[in-house]
Amino acid sequence: MKLLRYGPPGHEKPGCLDATGNIRDLSLVVEDLEGAVLQPDGIAKIAALDPTDLPIVADDVRLGPCVSGVGKFICIGLNYADHAAETGAAPPAEPVVFMKATSAICGPNDDIIIPRGSEKTDWEVELGVIIGRGGSHISETDAPGHIAGYCVINDLSERAFQLEGTGQWVKGKSADTFGPIGPWLVTADEVIDAQNLDLWLEVDGHRYQAGNTRTMIFDVAYIISYLSRYMSLQPGDVISTGTPPGVGLGQTPPTYLKTGQKLRLGIEGLGEQHQITIAHPTS
């Protein structure tokens, strides 16, 4: 299934796509796509429905982030060997973990706000994993059973905030609109092999990133198991699993986003995002 949320920011309703690509309203079935709804029983309840029995939603509606009530937005850095190389870093011996503020989350096609004072806003297409069944000390073997689904994430970054001066990864990753999620949550049963998905990103029609999840240093199951040693994972938590090469920081010379640019990114089978960069309203 492809599950989604639609409507104005802060007032999204749950929905799904039918076999012909129409959005169907789920709001009479579930209140939102969060918490218990994302656990196996909740996903099974939605899967048992006939989408053609649900009301059709206008196809020009805004799409919101495909999951609500995110408790933790956990990211893995330098998780593709070729991306680590382009940044000048050695491949890590274990996952590099940081958090992204949940206030950064926005819809997949919402405008991207360039932060005030930013000169180094960068892009990163990433495979997102949404936790369905929570737990701690999860084994790699059991990890797939804890996944509600997958999605596209653009892990936007301000490199000066992240790396220069008193730079910190959380600080450089957490500006408003720096976490587009969606367009939809594709349930785990539809993703045959999460470690063999093409992912790509374009800016103004130029393809900067083109990779495949098979080149991850740490695969999805290992990441879930690893994280669960140090924190409990809960339904609705989002894990962003790292980006392939081609980020702005890795260009010669480095290339960063400016206002008025168009981003297009996607992952095989998980949909696309389309964004326009705009200036901060108080700049």
Protein backbone atom coordinates (compact mmCIF):
# COMPACT_ATOMS: atom_id res chain seq x y z
CA MET A 1 0.00 0.00 0.00
CA LYS A 2 0.90 3.61 -0.47
CA LEU A 3 -0.30 5.63 2.52
CA LEU A 4 -0.24 9.42 2.62
CA ARG A 5 -1.51 12.53 4.34
CA TYR A 6 -3.15 15.39 2.50
CA GLY A 7 -4.49 18.87 3.19
CA PRO A 8 -3.25 22.19 4.61
CA PRO A 9 -0.24 22.20 6.96
CA GLY A 10 -1.29 21.16 10.44
CA HIS A 11 -4.68 19.92 9.23
CA GLU A 12 -3.73 16.91 7.12
CA LYS A 13 -5.98 13.89 6.80
CA PRO A 14 -4.92 10.28 6.22
CA GLY A 15 -5.31 8.76 2.79
CA CYS A 16 -4.07 6.09 0.42
CA LEU A 17 -3.55 5.59 -3.28
CA ASP A 18 -5.80 3.19 -5.16
CA ALA A 19 -4.65 0.99 -8.04
CA THR A 20 -5.26 3.76 -10.58
CA GLY A 21 -3.37 6.44 -8.64
CA ASN A 22 -6.38 8.21 -7.15
CA ILE A 23 -6.11 9.50 -3.59
CA ARG A 24 -8.72 7.94 -1.29
CA ASP A 25 -9.75 9.38 2.08
CA LEU A 26 -9.03 7.22 5.14
CA SER A 27 -10.24 9.69 7.77
CA LEU A 28 -13.38 7.68 8.57
CA VAL A 29 -11.22 4.60 9.20
CA VAL A 30 -8.21 5.99 11.09
CA GLU A 31 -7.63 9.36 12.72
CA ASP A 32 -4.11 9.79 11.36
CA LEU A 33 -1.04 7.85 10.23
CA GLU A 34 0.79 7.70 13.54
CA GLY A 35 1.32 5.53 16.60
CA ALA A 36 -0.83 2.42 16.81
CA VAL A 37 -2.05 2.85 13.23
CA LEU A 38 1.48 2.10 12.04
CA GLN A 39 1.81 -1.11 14.06
CA PRO A 40 1.20 -4.40 12.26
CA ASP A 41 -2.46 -4.65 13.33
CA GLY A 42 -3.12 -1.09 12.19
CA ILE A 43 -1.51 -1.64 8.80
CA ALA A 44 -3.45 -4.91 8.42
CA LYS A 45 -6.72 -3.11 9.16
CA ILE A 46 -6.11 -0.64 6.34
CA ALA A 47 -4.89 -3.37 3.98
CA ALA A 48 -8.16 -5.24 4.45
CA LEU A 49 -10.17 -2.33 3.01
CA ASP A 50 -11.34 -2.03 -0.57
CA PRO A 51 -9.99 1.40 -1.60
CA THR A 52 -12.80 1.81 -4.13
CA ASP A 53 -15.23 2.02 -1.18
CA LEU A 54 -13.44 5.13 0.11
CA PRO A 55 -14.15 8.71 -1.02
CA ILE A 56 -11.95 10.08 -3.80
CA VAL A 57 -9.88 13.19 -3.00
CA ALA A 58 -9.12 15.92 -5.53
CA ASP A 59 -5.85 15.17 -7.33
CA ASP A 60 -4.51 18.72 -6.90
CA VAL A 61 -4.51 18.56 -3.10
CA ARG A 62 -1.34 19.35 -1.13
CA LEU A 63 0.50 16.30 0.20
CA GLY A 64 1.75 16.54 3.77
CA PRO A 65 4.48 14.45 5.40
CA CYS A 66 3.39 10.82 5.08
CA VAL A 67 3.59 10.14 8.83
CA SER A 68 2.41 12.24 11.77
CA GLY A 69 3.38 12.48 15.42
CA VAL A 70 7.03 11.62 14.79
CA GLY A 71 8.72 11.08 18.13
CA LYS A 72 12.28 10.75 16.84
CA PHE A 73 13.84 11.78 13.53
CA ILE A 74 17.07 9.79 13.55
CA CYS A 75 19.68 10.13 10.82
CA ILE A 76 22.71 8.12 9.78
CA GLY A 77 25.68 10.05 8.41
CA LEU A 78 28.33 8.95 5.92
CA ASN A 79 26.55 5.67 5.22
CA TYR A 80 27.61 5.30 1.57
CA ALA A 81 31.31 4.59 1.04
CA ASP A 82 31.48 6.78 -2.07
CA HIS A 83 29.75 9.68 -0.28
CA ALA A 84 32.18 9.43 2.63
CA ALA A 85 35.02 9.62 0.11
CA GLU A 86 33.66 12.77 -1.55
CA THR A 87 33.53 14.52 1.83
CA GLY A 88 37.09 13.48 2.63
CA ALA A 89 36.02 11.22 5.51
CA ALA A 90 37.05 7.63 6.09
CA PRO A 91 34.18 5.11 6.02
CA PRO A 92 32.94 4.86 9.62
CA ALA A 93 33.53 1.70 11.65
CA GLU A 94 30.00 1.93 13.04
CA PRO A 95 26.96 4.06 12.18
CA VAL A 96 27.28 7.82 12.67
CA VAL A 97 24.07 8.82 14.44
CA PHE A 98 22.52 12.26 14.83
CA MET A 99 19.05 13.68 15.31
CA LYS A 100 17.13 16.10 13.14
CA ALA A 101 14.53 18.31 14.85
CA THR A 102 10.99 17.11 14.17
CA SER A 103 10.06 20.75 13.49
CA ALA A 104 12.07 20.39 10.25
CA ILE A 105 9.49 17.95 8.87
CA CYS A 106 7.36 19.19 5.98
CA GLY A 107 5.47 17.89 2.97
CA PRO A 108 7.30 16.37 0.00
CA ASN A 109 6.50 19.24 -2.34
CA ASP A 110 6.55 22.16 0.10
CA ASP A 111 8.88 25.09 -0.53
CA ILE A 112 12.35 24.82 1.00
CA ILE A 113 13.25 27.88 3.06
CA ILE A 114 16.90 28.94 2.82
CA PRO A 115 17.80 29.92 6.42
CA ARG A 116 18.77 33.47 7.26
CA GLY A 117 22.51 33.91 6.81
CA SER A 118 22.89 30.66 4.89
CA GLU A 119 25.40 30.42 2.07
CA LYS A 120 25.82 26.64 2.09
CA THR A 121 22.40 24.97 2.02
CA ASP A 122 22.83 21.48 0.55
CA TRP A 123 20.68 18.56 -0.61
CA GLU A 124 20.70 14.84 0.26
CA VAL A 125 18.26 12.26 -1.10
CA GLU A 126 17.84 9.43 1.41
CA LEU A 127 15.85 6.26 2.00
CA GLY A 128 13.54 6.77 4.96
CA VAL A 129 12.44 3.93 7.23
CA ILE A 130 9.31 4.32 9.36
CA ILE A 131 9.07 2.17 12.46
CA GLY A 132 5.85 0.23 12.96
CA ARG A 133 6.50 -2.11 15.87
CA GLY A 134 8.62 -0.61 18.59
CA GLY A 135 11.24 -2.26 20.74
CA SER A 136 14.76 -2.23 22.10
CA HIS A 137 17.69 -4.60 21.54
CA ILE A 138 16.13 -5.75 18.27
CA SER A 139 18.10 -8.41 16.41
CA GLU A 140 19.02 -7.95 12.76
CA THR A 141 16.91 -11.01 11.96
CA ASP A 142 13.84 -9.50 13.62
CA ALA A 143 14.40 -5.95 12.34
CA PRO A 144 12.27 -6.26 9.16
CA GLY A 145 9.23 -7.05 11.33
CA HIS A 146 9.57 -3.66 13.00
CA ILE A 147 9.26 -1.67 9.76
CA ALA A 148 5.92 -0.11 8.83
CA GLY A 149 7.24 1.16 5.52
CA TYR A 150 9.67 3.23 3.52
CA CYS A 151 9.65 6.72 2.04
CA VAL A 152 11.73 9.38 0.30
CA ILE A 153 13.51 11.95 2.48
CA ASN A 154 15.48 15.03 1.50
CA ASP A 155 17.94 15.51 4.37
CA LEU A 156 18.68 19.17 3.70
CA SER A 157 21.74 20.56 5.43
CA GLU A 158 23.38 23.93 6.04
CA ARG A 159 27.05 23.01 5.83
CA ALA A 160 28.46 26.08 7.57
CA PHE A 161 26.09 25.60 10.50
CA GLN A 162 26.97 21.91 10.51
CA LEU A 163 30.73 21.95 10.09
CA GLU A 164 32.26 25.41 10.62
CA GLY A 165 32.93 27.46 13.74
CA THR A 166 31.00 25.81 16.54
CA GLY A 167 29.26 23.67 13.95
CA GLN A 168 27.07 20.78 15.03
CA TRP A 169 25.25 18.28 12.86
CA VAL A 170 21.91 18.78 14.61
CA LYS A 171 22.21 22.55 14.22
CA GLY A 172 23.04 22.24 10.54
CA LYS A 173 20.24 19.80 9.78
CA SER A 174 17.23 21.15 11.65
CA ALA A 175 16.05 24.37 10.00
CA ASP A 176 12.34 24.61 9.21
CA THR A 177 11.51 22.70 5.98
CA PHE A 178 14.81 20.76 6.10
CA GLY A 179 12.96 17.43 6.38
CA PRO A 180 10.55 16.77 3.49
CA ILE A 181 9.05 13.30 3.97
CA GLY A 182 6.96 11.44 1.40
CA PRO A 183 5.09 11.59 -0.93
CA TRP A 184 3.86 8.39 0.62
CA LEU A 185 4.70 5.64 3.04
CA VAL A 186 5.11 2.49 0.98
CA THR A 187 4.35 -0.45 3.27
CA ALA A 188 7.17 -2.91 3.83
CA ASP A 189 5.42 -5.76 2.00
CA GLU A 190 5.69 -3.80 -1.28
CA VAL A 191 9.45 -3.25 -1.03
CA ILE A 192 11.02 -6.53 -2.09
CA ASP A 193 14.63 -5.50 -1.44
CA ALA A 194 15.37 -2.26 0.40
CA GLN A 195 19.06 -2.83 -0.37
CA ASN A 196 18.61 -2.57 -4.13
CA LEU A 197 16.77 0.69 -4.78
CA ASP A 198 17.92 3.41 -7.17
CA LEU A 199 17.80 6.92 -5.73
CA TRP A 200 18.55 10.23 -7.41
CA LEU A 201 18.30 14.02 -7.10
CA GLU A 202 18.27 16.88 -9.61
CA VAL A 203 18.63 20.64 -9.19
CA ASP A 204 17.22 22.74 -12.05
CA GLY A 205 17.21 19.64 -14.25
CA HIS A 206 20.85 18.69 -13.57
CA ARG A 207 21.25 15.27 -11.99
CA TYR A 208 23.73 15.53 -9.14
CA GLN A 209 22.95 12.33 -7.26
CA ALA A 210 22.44 8.88 -8.75
CA GLY A 211 23.05 5.93 -6.47
CA ASN A 212 21.70 2.67 -5.18
CA THR A 213 21.04 1.49 -1.65
CA ARG A 214 23.19 -1.61 -2.23
CA THR A 215 26.25 0.59 -1.64
CA MET A 216 25.22 1.40 1.93
CA ILE A 217 27.94 0.63 4.45
CA PHE A 218 25.33 -0.42 7.04
CA ASP A 219 22.07 -1.90 5.76
CA VAL A 220 18.61 -1.15 7.08
CA ALA A 221 18.37 -4.20 9.34
CA TYR A 222 21.74 -3.46 10.93
CA ILE A 223 20.81 0.21 11.47
CA ILE A 224 17.58 -0.71 13.27
CA SER A 225 19.35 -3.27 15.44
CA TYR A 226 22.20 -0.86 16.20
CA LEU A 227 19.97 2.06 17.13
CA SER A 228 17.79 -0.13 19.36
CA ARG A 229 20.81 -0.89 21.55
CA TYR A 230 20.96 2.75 22.61
CA MET A 231 17.34 3.90 22.52
CA SER A 232 13.95 2.27 22.25
CA LEU A 233 12.37 2.61 18.83
CA GLN A 234 8.71 3.53 18.81
CA PRO A 235 5.91 3.45 16.23
CA GLY A 236 6.20 6.45 13.96
CA ASP A 237 9.90 7.05 14.51
CA VAL A 238 11.64 7.98 11.26
CA ILE A 239 15.15 6.85 10.33
CA SER A 240 16.96 8.55 7.45
CA THR A 241 19.61 6.09 6.29
CA GLY A 242 22.23 8.23 4.56
CA THR A 243 22.86 9.67 1.11
CA PRO A 244 24.80 8.55 -1.98
CA PRO A 245 27.48 10.76 -3.56
CA GLY A 246 26.69 13.93 -5.45
CA VAL A 247 25.87 16.40 -2.68
CA GLY A 248 26.73 20.06 -3.18
CA LEU A 249 29.60 19.88 -0.70
CA GLY A 250 31.28 17.26 -2.87
CA GLN A 251 31.20 19.25 -6.12
CA THR A 252 34.28 20.98 -7.57
CA PRO A 253 33.91 23.74 -6.63
CA PRO A 254 31.25 23.14 -3.93
CA THR A 255 27.77 24.08 -5.17
CA TYR A 256 24.95 25.17 -2.87
CA LEU A 257 21.29 26.03 -3.18
CA LYS A 258 20.07 29.54 -3.89
CA THR A 259 16.54 30.92 -3.91
CA GLY A 260 14.35 30.14 -6.89
CA GLN A 261 15.84 26.73 -7.70
CA LYS A 262 13.84 23.58 -8.40
CA LEU A 263 14.65 20.25 -6.79
CA ARG A 264 13.37 16.93 -8.03
CA LEU A 265 14.30 13.71 -6.26
CA GLY A 266 13.04 10.19 -5.92
CA ILE A 267 13.61 6.57 -5.05
CA GLU A 268 12.64 3.58 -7.16
CA GLY A 269 9.10 2.50 -6.24
CA LEU A 270 8.73 5.13 -3.51
CA GLY A 271 7.76 8.19 -5.52
CA GLU A 272 9.18 11.66 -6.15
CA GLN A 273 9.48 14.99 -4.38
CA HIS A 274 9.39 18.40 -6.09
CA GLN A 275 10.53 21.51 -4.24
CA ILE A 276 11.34 25.17 -4.89
CA THR A 277 13.81 27.07 -2.73
CA ILE A 278 12.66 30.39 -1.28
CA ALA A 279 14.20 33.05 0.95
CA HIS A 280 13.53 33.09 4.65
CA PRO A 281 10.53 35.43 5.16
CA THR A 282 12.49 37.67 7.52
CA SER A 283 15.71 37.76 5.48
